[in-house]
N, C-alpha and C. Protein backbone atom coordinates (compact mmCIF):
# COMPACT_ATOMS: atom_id res chain seq x y z
N MET A 1 12.80 -6.00 -0.29
CA MET A 1 12.80 -5.39 1.04
C MET A 1 13.58 -4.09 0.99
N TYR A 2 13.06 -3.08 1.58
CA TYR A 2 13.67 -1.76 1.63
C TYR A 2 14.87 -1.82 2.56
N GLU A 3 16.04 -1.41 2.09
CA GLU A 3 17.25 -1.59 2.89
C GLU A 3 17.99 -0.30 3.24
N ALA A 4 17.42 0.85 2.99
CA ALA A 4 18.13 2.10 3.30
C ALA A 4 18.22 2.28 4.81
N THR A 5 19.24 3.01 5.24
CA THR A 5 19.34 3.31 6.67
C THR A 5 18.51 4.54 6.95
N LEU A 6 17.94 4.59 8.11
CA LEU A 6 17.10 5.73 8.44
C LEU A 6 17.90 7.01 8.54
N GLU A 7 19.16 6.91 8.96
CA GLU A 7 19.96 8.12 9.07
C GLU A 7 20.04 8.84 7.73
N SER A 8 20.14 8.08 6.64
CA SER A 8 20.26 8.71 5.34
C SER A 8 18.90 9.13 4.78
N GLU A 9 17.84 8.55 5.29
CA GLU A 9 16.52 8.82 4.75
C GLU A 9 15.83 10.00 5.42
N LEU A 10 16.12 10.24 6.69
CA LEU A 10 15.40 11.28 7.41
C LEU A 10 16.13 12.60 7.39
N ASP A 11 15.44 13.61 7.01
CA ASP A 11 15.96 14.96 7.09
C ASP A 11 15.35 15.58 8.34
N PRO A 12 16.16 15.87 9.36
CA PRO A 12 15.60 16.40 10.61
C PRO A 12 14.75 17.65 10.41
N ASP A 13 14.99 18.39 9.34
CA ASP A 13 14.22 19.61 9.11
C ASP A 13 12.79 19.35 8.65
N VAL A 14 12.49 18.12 8.22
CA VAL A 14 11.13 17.84 7.74
C VAL A 14 10.48 16.70 8.50
N GLN A 15 10.95 16.42 9.69
CA GLN A 15 10.36 15.34 10.46
C GLN A 15 8.97 15.66 10.95
N LEU A 16 8.72 16.89 11.24
CA LEU A 16 7.43 17.30 11.76
C LEU A 16 6.72 18.16 10.73
N TYR A 17 5.49 18.47 10.98
CA TYR A 17 4.73 19.33 10.10
C TYR A 17 5.50 20.62 9.87
N ASN A 18 5.57 21.03 8.64
CA ASN A 18 6.29 22.24 8.29
C ASN A 18 5.30 23.35 7.98
N PRO A 19 5.09 24.28 8.91
CA PRO A 19 4.13 25.35 8.66
C PRO A 19 4.56 26.28 7.53
N LYS A 20 5.83 26.22 7.14
CA LYS A 20 6.30 27.08 6.06
C LYS A 20 5.94 26.52 4.68
N LEU A 21 5.51 25.25 4.66
CA LEU A 21 5.07 24.68 3.39
C LEU A 21 3.82 25.45 2.98
N SER A 22 3.90 26.10 1.86
CA SER A 22 2.81 26.99 1.46
C SER A 22 1.59 26.20 0.99
N GLU A 23 0.46 26.86 1.04
CA GLU A 23 -0.76 26.26 0.52
C GLU A 23 -0.56 25.94 -0.96
N GLU A 24 0.19 26.78 -1.65
CA GLU A 24 0.44 26.55 -3.07
C GLU A 24 1.19 25.23 -3.29
N ASP A 25 2.20 24.96 -2.46
CA ASP A 25 2.94 23.70 -2.56
C ASP A 25 2.04 22.51 -2.25
N THR A 26 1.26 22.64 -1.19
CA THR A 26 0.34 21.57 -0.79
C THR A 26 -0.68 21.31 -1.89
N LEU A 27 -1.22 22.37 -2.46
CA LEU A 27 -2.21 22.24 -3.52
C LEU A 27 -1.61 21.58 -4.76
N ALA A 28 -0.39 21.95 -5.10
CA ALA A 28 0.27 21.34 -6.27
C ALA A 28 0.45 19.83 -6.06
N LYS A 29 0.86 19.44 -4.86
CA LYS A 29 1.03 18.01 -4.56
C LYS A 29 -0.31 17.28 -4.61
N LEU A 30 -1.34 17.90 -4.06
CA LEU A 30 -2.67 17.30 -4.08
C LEU A 30 -3.16 17.10 -5.51
N LYS A 31 -2.99 18.11 -6.34
CA LYS A 31 -3.46 18.01 -7.73
C LYS A 31 -2.69 16.93 -8.49
N ASP A 32 -1.40 16.81 -8.24
CA ASP A 32 -0.62 15.74 -8.87
C ASP A 32 -1.15 14.37 -8.45
N LEU A 33 -1.44 14.22 -7.17
CA LEU A 33 -1.99 12.96 -6.67
C LEU A 33 -3.34 12.65 -7.31
N LEU A 34 -4.22 13.63 -7.35
CA LEU A 34 -5.54 13.42 -7.94
C LEU A 34 -5.43 13.04 -9.41
N LYS A 35 -4.53 13.67 -10.13
CA LYS A 35 -4.35 13.35 -11.56
C LYS A 35 -3.89 11.90 -11.73
N ARG A 36 -2.94 11.47 -10.88
CA ARG A 36 -2.46 10.08 -10.98
C ARG A 36 -3.57 9.09 -10.69
N VAL A 37 -4.36 9.38 -9.66
CA VAL A 37 -5.44 8.46 -9.28
C VAL A 37 -6.48 8.38 -10.39
N VAL A 38 -6.89 9.53 -10.90
CA VAL A 38 -7.93 9.54 -11.94
C VAL A 38 -7.40 8.92 -13.23
N GLN A 39 -6.16 9.21 -13.56
CA GLN A 39 -5.59 8.65 -14.79
C GLN A 39 -5.52 7.13 -14.73
N GLY A 40 -5.19 6.59 -13.57
CA GLY A 40 -4.98 5.15 -13.45
C GLY A 40 -6.20 4.33 -13.08
N SER A 41 -7.27 4.97 -12.64
CA SER A 41 -8.41 4.23 -12.10
C SER A 41 -9.70 4.55 -12.84
N PRO A 42 -10.24 3.58 -13.57
CA PRO A 42 -11.55 3.79 -14.20
C PRO A 42 -12.64 4.15 -13.17
N PHE A 43 -12.54 3.58 -11.97
CA PHE A 43 -13.51 3.89 -10.92
C PHE A 43 -13.51 5.39 -10.63
N TYR A 44 -12.31 5.97 -10.42
CA TYR A 44 -12.24 7.40 -10.09
C TYR A 44 -12.48 8.28 -11.31
N GLN A 45 -12.18 7.81 -12.50
CA GLN A 45 -12.54 8.57 -13.70
C GLN A 45 -14.06 8.78 -13.71
N LYS A 46 -14.79 7.70 -13.48
CA LYS A 46 -16.25 7.77 -13.48
C LYS A 46 -16.76 8.62 -12.32
N LYS A 47 -16.18 8.41 -11.14
CA LYS A 47 -16.63 9.13 -9.94
C LYS A 47 -16.43 10.63 -10.10
N PHE A 48 -15.28 11.04 -10.61
CA PHE A 48 -15.01 12.47 -10.81
C PHE A 48 -15.89 13.03 -11.92
N ARG A 49 -16.10 12.27 -12.97
CA ARG A 49 -16.97 12.72 -14.07
C ARG A 49 -18.39 12.93 -13.56
N GLU A 50 -18.91 11.96 -12.79
CA GLU A 50 -20.28 12.07 -12.26
C GLU A 50 -20.42 13.23 -11.28
N ALA A 51 -19.35 13.59 -10.59
CA ALA A 51 -19.39 14.71 -9.63
C ALA A 51 -19.00 16.03 -10.30
N ASN A 52 -18.77 15.98 -11.62
CA ASN A 52 -18.35 17.18 -12.38
C ASN A 52 -17.10 17.83 -11.80
N VAL A 53 -16.15 17.01 -11.41
CA VAL A 53 -14.89 17.52 -10.85
C VAL A 53 -13.87 17.66 -11.97
N ASP A 54 -13.36 18.87 -12.11
CA ASP A 54 -12.26 19.15 -13.03
C ASP A 54 -11.07 19.52 -12.15
N ILE A 55 -10.08 18.67 -12.12
CA ILE A 55 -8.93 18.88 -11.23
C ILE A 55 -8.27 20.23 -11.49
N GLU A 56 -8.25 20.67 -12.73
CA GLU A 56 -7.62 21.95 -13.05
C GLU A 56 -8.37 23.13 -12.44
N LYS A 57 -9.62 22.93 -12.07
CA LYS A 57 -10.40 24.02 -11.47
C LYS A 57 -10.24 24.09 -9.96
N ILE A 58 -9.48 23.17 -9.40
CA ILE A 58 -9.20 23.22 -7.96
C ILE A 58 -8.11 24.27 -7.76
N LYS A 59 -8.48 25.37 -7.13
CA LYS A 59 -7.58 26.52 -7.00
C LYS A 59 -7.13 26.80 -5.57
N SER A 60 -7.79 26.16 -4.60
CA SER A 60 -7.40 26.37 -3.20
C SER A 60 -7.76 25.11 -2.41
N LEU A 61 -7.22 25.03 -1.20
CA LEU A 61 -7.56 23.88 -0.35
C LEU A 61 -9.03 23.91 0.04
N GLU A 62 -9.64 25.07 -0.01
CA GLU A 62 -11.07 25.19 0.24
C GLU A 62 -11.86 24.38 -0.79
N ASP A 63 -11.30 24.20 -1.98
CA ASP A 63 -11.98 23.46 -3.04
C ASP A 63 -12.00 21.95 -2.79
N LEU A 64 -11.36 21.49 -1.73
CA LEU A 64 -11.43 20.06 -1.38
C LEU A 64 -12.87 19.61 -1.20
N LYS A 65 -13.72 20.53 -0.80
CA LYS A 65 -15.13 20.18 -0.59
C LYS A 65 -15.82 19.78 -1.89
N LEU A 66 -15.19 20.06 -3.03
CA LEU A 66 -15.75 19.67 -4.33
C LEU A 66 -15.52 18.20 -4.64
N LEU A 67 -14.57 17.59 -3.95
CA LEU A 67 -14.22 16.20 -4.25
C LEU A 67 -15.25 15.24 -3.67
N PRO A 68 -15.60 14.21 -4.42
CA PRO A 68 -16.58 13.24 -3.92
C PRO A 68 -15.95 12.31 -2.88
N PHE A 69 -16.74 11.93 -1.91
CA PHE A 69 -16.29 10.96 -0.92
C PHE A 69 -16.33 9.56 -1.53
N THR A 70 -15.45 8.70 -1.07
CA THR A 70 -15.51 7.29 -1.41
C THR A 70 -15.97 6.57 -0.15
N HIS A 71 -17.02 5.79 -0.28
CA HIS A 71 -17.62 5.12 0.87
C HIS A 71 -17.21 3.65 0.90
N LYS A 72 -17.26 3.07 2.08
CA LYS A 72 -16.86 1.67 2.27
C LYS A 72 -17.62 0.73 1.33
N GLU A 73 -18.89 1.00 1.11
CA GLU A 73 -19.67 0.15 0.21
C GLU A 73 -19.06 0.15 -1.19
N GLU A 74 -18.56 1.30 -1.62
CA GLU A 74 -17.94 1.38 -2.94
C GLU A 74 -16.66 0.56 -3.00
N LEU A 75 -15.92 0.55 -1.90
CA LEU A 75 -14.72 -0.27 -1.84
C LEU A 75 -15.09 -1.74 -1.97
N ARG A 76 -16.14 -2.14 -1.26
CA ARG A 76 -16.60 -3.54 -1.33
C ARG A 76 -17.13 -3.88 -2.72
N ASP A 77 -17.89 -2.96 -3.30
CA ASP A 77 -18.47 -3.22 -4.62
C ASP A 77 -17.41 -3.33 -5.70
N ALA A 78 -16.26 -2.74 -5.47
CA ALA A 78 -15.17 -2.76 -6.46
C ALA A 78 -14.28 -3.99 -6.29
N TYR A 79 -14.68 -4.92 -5.42
CA TYR A 79 -13.91 -6.12 -5.13
C TYR A 79 -13.58 -6.87 -6.42
N PRO A 80 -12.37 -7.40 -6.60
CA PRO A 80 -11.28 -7.32 -5.64
C PRO A 80 -10.36 -6.11 -5.85
N LEU A 81 -10.09 -5.72 -7.09
CA LEU A 81 -9.10 -4.67 -7.30
C LEU A 81 -9.63 -3.54 -8.19
N GLY A 82 -10.91 -3.24 -8.07
CA GLY A 82 -11.53 -2.26 -8.94
C GLY A 82 -11.09 -0.82 -8.72
N LEU A 83 -10.44 -0.53 -7.61
CA LEU A 83 -9.97 0.84 -7.36
C LEU A 83 -8.48 1.00 -7.65
N GLN A 84 -7.83 -0.08 -8.00
CA GLN A 84 -6.38 -0.03 -8.24
C GLN A 84 -6.07 1.00 -9.32
N ALA A 85 -5.10 1.87 -9.05
CA ALA A 85 -4.77 2.95 -9.97
C ALA A 85 -3.37 2.81 -10.57
N VAL A 86 -2.75 1.65 -10.38
CA VAL A 86 -1.41 1.40 -10.94
C VAL A 86 -1.45 0.06 -11.67
N PRO A 87 -0.51 -0.16 -12.58
CA PRO A 87 -0.46 -1.46 -13.24
C PRO A 87 -0.16 -2.58 -12.24
N ASP A 88 -0.61 -3.79 -12.55
CA ASP A 88 -0.34 -4.94 -11.67
C ASP A 88 1.14 -5.08 -11.37
N SER A 89 1.99 -4.77 -12.33
CA SER A 89 3.43 -4.93 -12.14
C SER A 89 3.99 -4.00 -11.07
N ALA A 90 3.26 -2.94 -10.71
CA ALA A 90 3.72 -2.01 -9.68
C ALA A 90 3.29 -2.43 -8.28
N VAL A 91 2.43 -3.43 -8.18
CA VAL A 91 1.92 -3.88 -6.87
C VAL A 91 2.92 -4.85 -6.25
N VAL A 92 3.36 -4.53 -5.03
CA VAL A 92 4.33 -5.39 -4.34
C VAL A 92 3.72 -6.09 -3.12
N ARG A 93 2.55 -5.63 -2.69
CA ARG A 93 1.92 -6.24 -1.52
C ARG A 93 0.41 -5.99 -1.61
N ILE A 94 -0.35 -6.95 -1.15
CA ILE A 94 -1.80 -6.80 -1.12
C ILE A 94 -2.28 -7.15 0.28
N HIS A 95 -3.12 -6.29 0.82
CA HIS A 95 -3.72 -6.54 2.13
C HIS A 95 -5.23 -6.60 1.95
N SER A 96 -5.88 -7.22 2.91
CA SER A 96 -7.33 -7.36 2.87
C SER A 96 -7.90 -7.09 4.25
N SER A 97 -9.06 -6.47 4.26
CA SER A 97 -9.78 -6.38 5.53
C SER A 97 -10.34 -7.77 5.84
N SER A 98 -10.83 -7.94 7.03
CA SER A 98 -11.33 -9.26 7.43
C SER A 98 -12.66 -9.60 6.78
N GLY A 99 -13.40 -8.60 6.40
CA GLY A 99 -14.71 -8.85 5.82
C GLY A 99 -15.79 -9.13 6.85
N THR A 100 -15.53 -8.81 8.11
CA THR A 100 -16.50 -9.13 9.17
C THR A 100 -17.80 -8.34 9.03
N THR A 101 -17.77 -7.19 8.39
CA THR A 101 -19.00 -6.40 8.23
C THR A 101 -19.50 -6.42 6.79
N GLY A 102 -18.96 -7.31 5.99
CA GLY A 102 -19.36 -7.40 4.59
C GLY A 102 -18.25 -8.05 3.79
N LYS A 103 -18.27 -7.82 2.50
CA LYS A 103 -17.23 -8.36 1.64
C LYS A 103 -15.89 -7.74 2.02
N PRO A 104 -14.79 -8.51 2.02
CA PRO A 104 -13.48 -7.93 2.35
C PRO A 104 -13.11 -6.81 1.37
N VAL A 105 -12.32 -5.88 1.86
CA VAL A 105 -11.78 -4.82 1.00
C VAL A 105 -10.33 -5.18 0.72
N ILE A 106 -9.99 -5.28 -0.55
CA ILE A 106 -8.64 -5.64 -0.98
C ILE A 106 -7.90 -4.35 -1.31
N ILE A 107 -6.70 -4.20 -0.77
CA ILE A 107 -5.93 -2.98 -0.98
C ILE A 107 -4.55 -3.33 -1.51
N PRO A 108 -4.26 -2.95 -2.77
CA PRO A 108 -2.93 -3.19 -3.33
C PRO A 108 -1.99 -2.04 -2.96
N TYR A 109 -0.72 -2.36 -2.74
CA TYR A 109 0.28 -1.35 -2.37
C TYR A 109 1.48 -1.42 -3.31
N THR A 110 2.01 -0.25 -3.64
CA THR A 110 3.26 -0.16 -4.41
C THR A 110 4.43 -0.14 -3.43
N ARG A 111 5.63 -0.25 -3.95
CA ARG A 111 6.83 -0.15 -3.10
C ARG A 111 6.84 1.20 -2.38
N ASN A 112 6.48 2.26 -3.09
CA ASN A 112 6.45 3.58 -2.47
C ASN A 112 5.40 3.66 -1.36
N ASP A 113 4.25 3.03 -1.56
CA ASP A 113 3.23 3.00 -0.50
C ASP A 113 3.78 2.35 0.77
N VAL A 114 4.41 1.20 0.60
CA VAL A 114 4.95 0.46 1.75
C VAL A 114 6.03 1.28 2.44
N ASP A 115 6.92 1.87 1.66
CA ASP A 115 8.00 2.67 2.25
C ASP A 115 7.46 3.91 2.95
N THR A 116 6.44 4.53 2.38
CA THR A 116 5.84 5.71 3.01
C THR A 116 5.20 5.35 4.34
N TRP A 117 4.43 4.23 4.37
CA TRP A 117 3.84 3.77 5.63
C TRP A 117 4.93 3.52 6.67
N ALA A 118 6.00 2.88 6.23
CA ALA A 118 7.09 2.55 7.16
C ALA A 118 7.71 3.82 7.73
N GLU A 119 7.95 4.80 6.88
CA GLU A 119 8.54 6.05 7.36
C GLU A 119 7.59 6.77 8.32
N LEU A 120 6.31 6.77 8.01
CA LEU A 120 5.34 7.41 8.91
C LEU A 120 5.32 6.73 10.28
N MET A 121 5.35 5.40 10.29
CA MET A 121 5.37 4.68 11.56
C MET A 121 6.66 4.96 12.33
N MET A 122 7.78 5.01 11.61
CA MET A 122 9.06 5.30 12.25
C MET A 122 9.02 6.69 12.87
N ARG A 123 8.43 7.65 12.19
CA ARG A 123 8.32 9.00 12.75
C ARG A 123 7.45 8.98 14.00
N CYS A 124 6.39 8.19 13.99
CA CYS A 124 5.54 8.07 15.18
C CYS A 124 6.35 7.53 16.36
N TYR A 125 7.16 6.51 16.11
CA TYR A 125 8.00 5.96 17.18
C TYR A 125 8.95 7.02 17.71
N MET A 126 9.54 7.79 16.80
CA MET A 126 10.48 8.83 17.23
C MET A 126 9.76 9.90 18.04
N LEU A 127 8.57 10.31 17.59
CA LEU A 127 7.81 11.32 18.32
C LEU A 127 7.38 10.82 19.69
N ALA A 128 7.24 9.50 19.82
CA ALA A 128 6.90 8.90 21.12
C ALA A 128 8.12 8.81 22.02
N GLY A 129 9.29 9.17 21.48
CA GLY A 129 10.49 9.21 22.29
C GLY A 129 11.45 8.06 22.10
N LEU A 130 11.18 7.14 21.18
CA LEU A 130 12.10 6.04 20.96
C LEU A 130 13.39 6.55 20.33
N THR A 131 14.48 5.96 20.74
CA THR A 131 15.80 6.29 20.19
C THR A 131 16.46 4.99 19.75
N ASN A 132 17.68 5.09 19.25
CA ASN A 132 18.39 3.88 18.85
C ASN A 132 18.85 3.07 20.05
N GLN A 133 18.58 3.53 21.25
CA GLN A 133 18.90 2.77 22.46
C GLN A 133 17.72 1.91 22.92
N ASP A 134 16.57 2.09 22.32
CA ASP A 134 15.37 1.37 22.72
C ASP A 134 15.15 0.14 21.85
N ARG A 135 14.43 -0.82 22.40
CA ARG A 135 14.02 -2.00 21.66
C ARG A 135 12.51 -2.13 21.85
N ILE A 136 11.81 -2.41 20.78
CA ILE A 136 10.37 -2.60 20.89
C ILE A 136 9.99 -3.93 20.26
N GLN A 137 8.90 -4.47 20.71
CA GLN A 137 8.39 -5.71 20.14
C GLN A 137 7.02 -5.41 19.56
N ILE A 138 6.87 -5.74 18.30
CA ILE A 138 5.59 -5.54 17.61
C ILE A 138 5.06 -6.92 17.28
N THR A 139 3.90 -7.26 17.83
CA THR A 139 3.43 -8.63 17.72
C THR A 139 2.00 -8.74 17.18
N PRO A 140 1.75 -8.20 15.99
CA PRO A 140 0.40 -8.41 15.44
C PRO A 140 0.29 -9.83 14.91
N GLY A 141 -0.96 -10.29 14.79
CA GLY A 141 -1.15 -11.55 14.09
C GLY A 141 -0.69 -11.35 12.66
N TYR A 142 -0.32 -12.40 11.97
CA TYR A 142 0.23 -12.17 10.64
C TYR A 142 -0.82 -11.90 9.58
N GLY A 143 -2.10 -11.90 9.96
CA GLY A 143 -3.11 -11.38 9.05
C GLY A 143 -3.12 -9.87 9.24
N LEU A 144 -2.05 -9.23 8.81
CA LEU A 144 -1.84 -7.82 9.12
C LEU A 144 -2.99 -6.93 8.72
N TRP A 145 -3.32 -6.01 9.62
CA TRP A 145 -4.24 -4.95 9.26
C TRP A 145 -3.44 -3.98 8.41
N THR A 146 -4.13 -3.16 7.66
CA THR A 146 -3.47 -2.30 6.68
C THR A 146 -2.37 -1.45 7.30
N ALA A 147 -2.61 -0.86 8.45
CA ALA A 147 -1.60 0.00 9.07
C ALA A 147 -0.38 -0.80 9.52
N GLY A 148 -0.50 -2.12 9.59
CA GLY A 148 0.61 -2.95 10.02
C GLY A 148 1.80 -2.92 9.08
N ILE A 149 1.59 -2.49 7.85
CA ILE A 149 2.70 -2.41 6.90
C ILE A 149 3.86 -1.63 7.50
N GLY A 150 3.56 -0.46 8.03
CA GLY A 150 4.61 0.38 8.59
C GLY A 150 5.24 -0.22 9.82
N SER A 151 4.47 -0.97 10.57
CA SER A 151 5.00 -1.55 11.80
C SER A 151 6.06 -2.60 11.53
N VAL A 152 5.93 -3.34 10.45
CA VAL A 152 6.89 -4.40 10.21
C VAL A 152 7.97 -4.02 9.21
N SER A 153 7.80 -2.97 8.46
CA SER A 153 8.74 -2.65 7.40
C SER A 153 10.05 -2.06 7.89
N TYR A 154 10.00 -1.24 8.93
CA TYR A 154 11.22 -0.61 9.40
C TYR A 154 11.71 -1.17 10.73
N THR A 155 11.02 -2.13 11.27
CA THR A 155 11.37 -2.56 12.61
C THR A 155 12.71 -3.26 12.68
N HIS A 156 13.23 -3.71 11.56
CA HIS A 156 14.54 -4.36 11.60
C HIS A 156 15.67 -3.35 11.55
N LEU A 157 15.34 -2.08 11.41
CA LEU A 157 16.36 -1.04 11.34
C LEU A 157 16.48 -0.33 12.68
N THR A 158 17.53 0.42 12.82
CA THR A 158 17.75 1.18 14.04
C THR A 158 17.29 2.61 13.83
N LEU A 159 16.56 3.12 14.80
CA LEU A 159 16.15 4.51 14.71
C LEU A 159 17.37 5.41 14.86
N PRO A 160 17.44 6.48 14.12
CA PRO A 160 18.59 7.37 14.23
C PRO A 160 18.53 8.16 15.53
N THR A 161 19.69 8.60 15.98
CA THR A 161 19.73 9.47 17.14
C THR A 161 19.77 10.90 16.64
N ILE A 162 18.66 11.57 16.75
CA ILE A 162 18.59 12.97 16.33
C ILE A 162 18.56 13.84 17.57
N TYR A 163 17.95 13.33 18.62
CA TYR A 163 17.86 14.07 19.86
C TYR A 163 18.89 13.52 20.83
N SER A 164 19.46 14.38 21.64
CA SER A 164 20.40 13.87 22.63
C SER A 164 19.61 13.18 23.73
N VAL A 165 20.17 12.09 24.22
CA VAL A 165 19.47 11.28 25.22
C VAL A 165 19.98 11.62 26.59
């Protein structure tokens, strides 16, 4: 379980979208992500090869249009863990769709995935105006939907007071 305090984790200067983050910085992060996904996933190695995508040739955010889409059917066809891009030892949580429209989609998460979802949800709560003086109740069924990770991961912590109340 992630035990850091939010006060130490949140930098008030980066809580919201930073327009000063250059396209170059964004592109570098995107390319790093794509390399990790392709390196770890035979599914995406094949998908990028078939689409003739060379990550090194992505030179601008406009080049995003070169990337192939992944469709829900492909997620189902890769059941159960055919899209996983990390070793099994890095998976700390697995969620599944209900399968009501077809075969369930299984989604493995790393510790970083869970923590990132939690931080994103916490930022949403803060943007909605919650402070450390508020209490909220989150009551999903325990067959959590994928976005539920963030809802339950940080709820035991106190939101920091960044804004005066």
